[in-house]
Amino acid sequence: MHRIESYFPRSRRVINGIIFVIRHGLRWRDAPKDHSPHKTISTRFIPACTGNAWQRF
């Protein structure tokens, strides 16, 4: 978890939302509201993908 925190400053809820969406194969819009708004989750996921954070995680 510490490896990807630099891509998501102060956003544990966003990280949990991204993992939830990926794990369950959902669309960003279907993310539970208690994680964060779906637009926030998706826009923070894209830069992390370009930085290969998920492969290292």
N, C-alpha and C. Protein backbone atom coordinates (compact mmCIF):
# COMPACT_ATOMS: atom_id res chain seq x y z
N MET A 1 0.82 -1.19 0.00
CA MET A 1 0.00 0.00 0.00
C MET A 1 0.87 1.25 0.00
N HIS A 2 2.01 1.19 0.65
CA HIS A 2 2.87 2.37 0.72
C HIS A 2 3.45 2.73 -0.65
N ARG A 3 3.56 1.75 -1.53
CA ARG A 3 4.15 2.00 -2.84
C ARG A 3 3.29 2.89 -3.71
N ILE A 4 1.98 2.84 -3.55
CA ILE A 4 1.11 3.62 -4.42
C ILE A 4 0.55 4.87 -3.75
N GLU A 5 0.85 5.08 -2.48
CA GLU A 5 0.29 6.24 -1.78
C GLU A 5 0.77 7.56 -2.35
N SER A 6 1.92 7.59 -2.99
CA SER A 6 2.40 8.85 -3.57
C SER A 6 1.51 9.29 -4.74
N TYR A 7 0.83 8.36 -5.37
CA TYR A 7 -0.08 8.71 -6.46
C TYR A 7 -1.43 9.20 -5.94
N PHE A 8 -1.74 8.89 -4.70
CA PHE A 8 -3.04 9.21 -4.12
C PHE A 8 -2.85 9.89 -2.76
N PRO A 9 -2.41 11.12 -2.72
CA PRO A 9 -2.16 11.77 -1.43
C PRO A 9 -3.44 11.92 -0.61
N ARG A 10 -3.36 11.54 0.64
CA ARG A 10 -4.46 11.66 1.61
C ARG A 10 -5.76 11.04 1.11
N SER A 11 -5.68 9.93 0.43
CA SER A 11 -6.88 9.39 -0.21
C SER A 11 -7.04 7.89 0.00
N ARG A 12 -7.03 7.47 1.21
CA ARG A 12 -7.22 6.04 1.48
C ARG A 12 -8.57 5.56 0.94
N ARG A 13 -9.59 6.41 1.04
CA ARG A 13 -10.91 6.04 0.51
C ARG A 13 -10.87 5.85 -0.99
N VAL A 14 -10.09 6.67 -1.68
CA VAL A 14 -9.98 6.55 -3.14
C VAL A 14 -9.28 5.24 -3.50
N ILE A 15 -8.21 4.91 -2.80
CA ILE A 15 -7.50 3.66 -3.05
C ILE A 15 -8.43 2.48 -2.83
N ASN A 16 -9.18 2.50 -1.74
CA ASN A 16 -10.12 1.42 -1.47
C ASN A 16 -11.19 1.35 -2.55
N GLY A 17 -11.64 2.49 -3.06
CA GLY A 17 -12.63 2.51 -4.12
C GLY A 17 -12.10 1.91 -5.42
N ILE A 18 -10.86 2.23 -5.75
CA ILE A 18 -10.25 1.69 -6.97
C ILE A 18 -10.12 0.17 -6.85
N ILE A 19 -9.63 -0.28 -5.72
CA ILE A 19 -9.47 -1.72 -5.52
C ILE A 19 -10.82 -2.42 -5.56
N PHE A 20 -11.84 -1.81 -4.98
CA PHE A 20 -13.18 -2.39 -4.99
C PHE A 20 -13.72 -2.53 -6.41
N VAL A 21 -13.57 -1.48 -7.21
CA VAL A 21 -14.07 -1.49 -8.58
C VAL A 21 -13.34 -2.55 -9.41
N ILE A 22 -12.03 -2.62 -9.27
CA ILE A 22 -11.25 -3.58 -10.05
C ILE A 22 -11.57 -5.01 -9.60
N ARG A 23 -11.62 -5.22 -8.31
CA ARG A 23 -11.85 -6.57 -7.77
C ARG A 23 -13.21 -7.12 -8.19
N HIS A 24 -14.22 -6.27 -8.24
CA HIS A 24 -15.57 -6.72 -8.55
C HIS A 24 -15.95 -6.53 -10.02
N GLY A 25 -15.05 -5.97 -10.81
CA GLY A 25 -15.30 -5.82 -12.23
C GLY A 25 -16.42 -4.84 -12.55
N LEU A 26 -16.50 -3.78 -11.77
CA LEU A 26 -17.58 -2.80 -11.95
C LEU A 26 -17.15 -1.67 -12.86
N ARG A 27 -18.11 -0.89 -13.31
CA ARG A 27 -17.83 0.37 -13.98
C ARG A 27 -17.54 1.40 -12.88
N TRP A 28 -16.85 2.48 -13.23
CA TRP A 28 -16.54 3.51 -12.24
C TRP A 28 -17.81 4.07 -11.64
N ARG A 29 -18.85 4.22 -12.44
CA ARG A 29 -20.13 4.77 -11.97
C ARG A 29 -20.78 3.91 -10.90
N ASP A 30 -20.47 2.62 -10.90
CA ASP A 30 -21.09 1.70 -9.95
C ASP A 30 -20.34 1.58 -8.63
N ALA A 31 -19.31 2.37 -8.45
CA ALA A 31 -18.56 2.34 -7.20
C ALA A 31 -19.45 2.80 -6.05
N PRO A 32 -19.33 2.18 -4.89
CA PRO A 32 -20.14 2.61 -3.75
C PRO A 32 -19.84 4.06 -3.38
N LYS A 33 -20.86 4.77 -2.96
CA LYS A 33 -20.72 6.19 -2.63
C LYS A 33 -19.84 6.44 -1.42
N ASP A 34 -19.69 5.46 -0.54
CA ASP A 34 -18.90 5.69 0.67
C ASP A 34 -17.39 5.72 0.41
N HIS A 35 -16.95 5.32 -0.79
CA HIS A 35 -15.52 5.40 -1.10
C HIS A 35 -15.15 6.81 -1.54
N SER A 36 -15.75 7.30 -2.56
CA SER A 36 -15.56 8.65 -3.10
C SER A 36 -16.44 8.77 -4.32
N PRO A 37 -16.63 9.97 -4.84
CA PRO A 37 -17.38 10.09 -6.10
C PRO A 37 -16.67 9.32 -7.22
N HIS A 38 -17.43 8.73 -8.11
CA HIS A 38 -16.83 7.90 -9.15
C HIS A 38 -15.88 8.68 -10.05
N LYS A 39 -16.15 9.95 -10.26
CA LYS A 39 -15.27 10.76 -11.11
C LYS A 39 -13.89 10.93 -10.45
N THR A 40 -13.86 11.09 -9.15
CA THR A 40 -12.59 11.21 -8.42
C THR A 40 -11.80 9.92 -8.51
N ILE A 41 -12.48 8.81 -8.32
CA ILE A 41 -11.79 7.51 -8.36
C ILE A 41 -11.18 7.27 -9.74
N SER A 42 -11.95 7.52 -10.78
CA SER A 42 -11.44 7.24 -12.12
C SER A 42 -10.33 8.19 -12.54
N THR A 43 -10.43 9.47 -12.19
CA THR A 43 -9.38 10.41 -12.59
C THR A 43 -8.09 10.20 -11.81
N ARG A 44 -8.15 9.64 -10.64
CA ARG A 44 -6.92 9.34 -9.90
C ARG A 44 -6.32 8.01 -10.31
N PHE A 45 -7.12 7.14 -10.89
CA PHE A 45 -6.62 5.84 -11.33
C PHE A 45 -5.76 5.97 -12.58
N ILE A 46 -6.15 6.82 -13.50
CA ILE A 46 -5.46 6.94 -14.79
C ILE A 46 -3.99 7.34 -14.64
N PRO A 47 -3.63 8.38 -13.86
CA PRO A 47 -2.20 8.70 -13.72
C PRO A 47 -1.41 7.59 -13.04
N ALA A 48 -2.03 6.84 -12.16
CA ALA A 48 -1.33 5.75 -11.50
C ALA A 48 -1.00 4.65 -12.49
N CYS A 49 -1.86 4.45 -13.48
CA CYS A 49 -1.60 3.43 -14.50
C CYS A 49 -0.43 3.81 -15.37
N THR A 50 -0.30 5.07 -15.69
CA THR A 50 0.81 5.50 -16.54
C THR A 50 2.13 5.44 -15.79
N GLY A 51 2.09 5.49 -14.47
CA GLY A 51 3.30 5.40 -13.68
C GLY A 51 3.64 4.00 -13.24
N ASN A 52 2.90 3.00 -13.71
CA ASN A 52 3.14 1.59 -13.38
C ASN A 52 3.03 1.29 -11.90
N ALA A 53 2.27 2.07 -11.18
CA ALA A 53 2.12 1.85 -9.73
C ALA A 53 1.45 0.52 -9.43
N TRP A 54 0.48 0.13 -10.23
CA TRP A 54 -0.27 -1.10 -9.95
C TRP A 54 0.55 -2.34 -10.23
N GLN A 55 1.45 -2.32 -11.20
CA GLN A 55 2.29 -3.48 -11.46
C GLN A 55 3.26 -3.71 -10.31
N ARG A 56 3.76 -2.61 -9.75
CA ARG A 56 4.70 -2.73 -8.62
C ARG A 56 3.99 -3.11 -7.35
N PHE A 57 2.72 -2.76 -7.25
CA PHE A 57 1.95 -3.06 -6.05
C PHE A 57 1.66 -4.54 -5.97
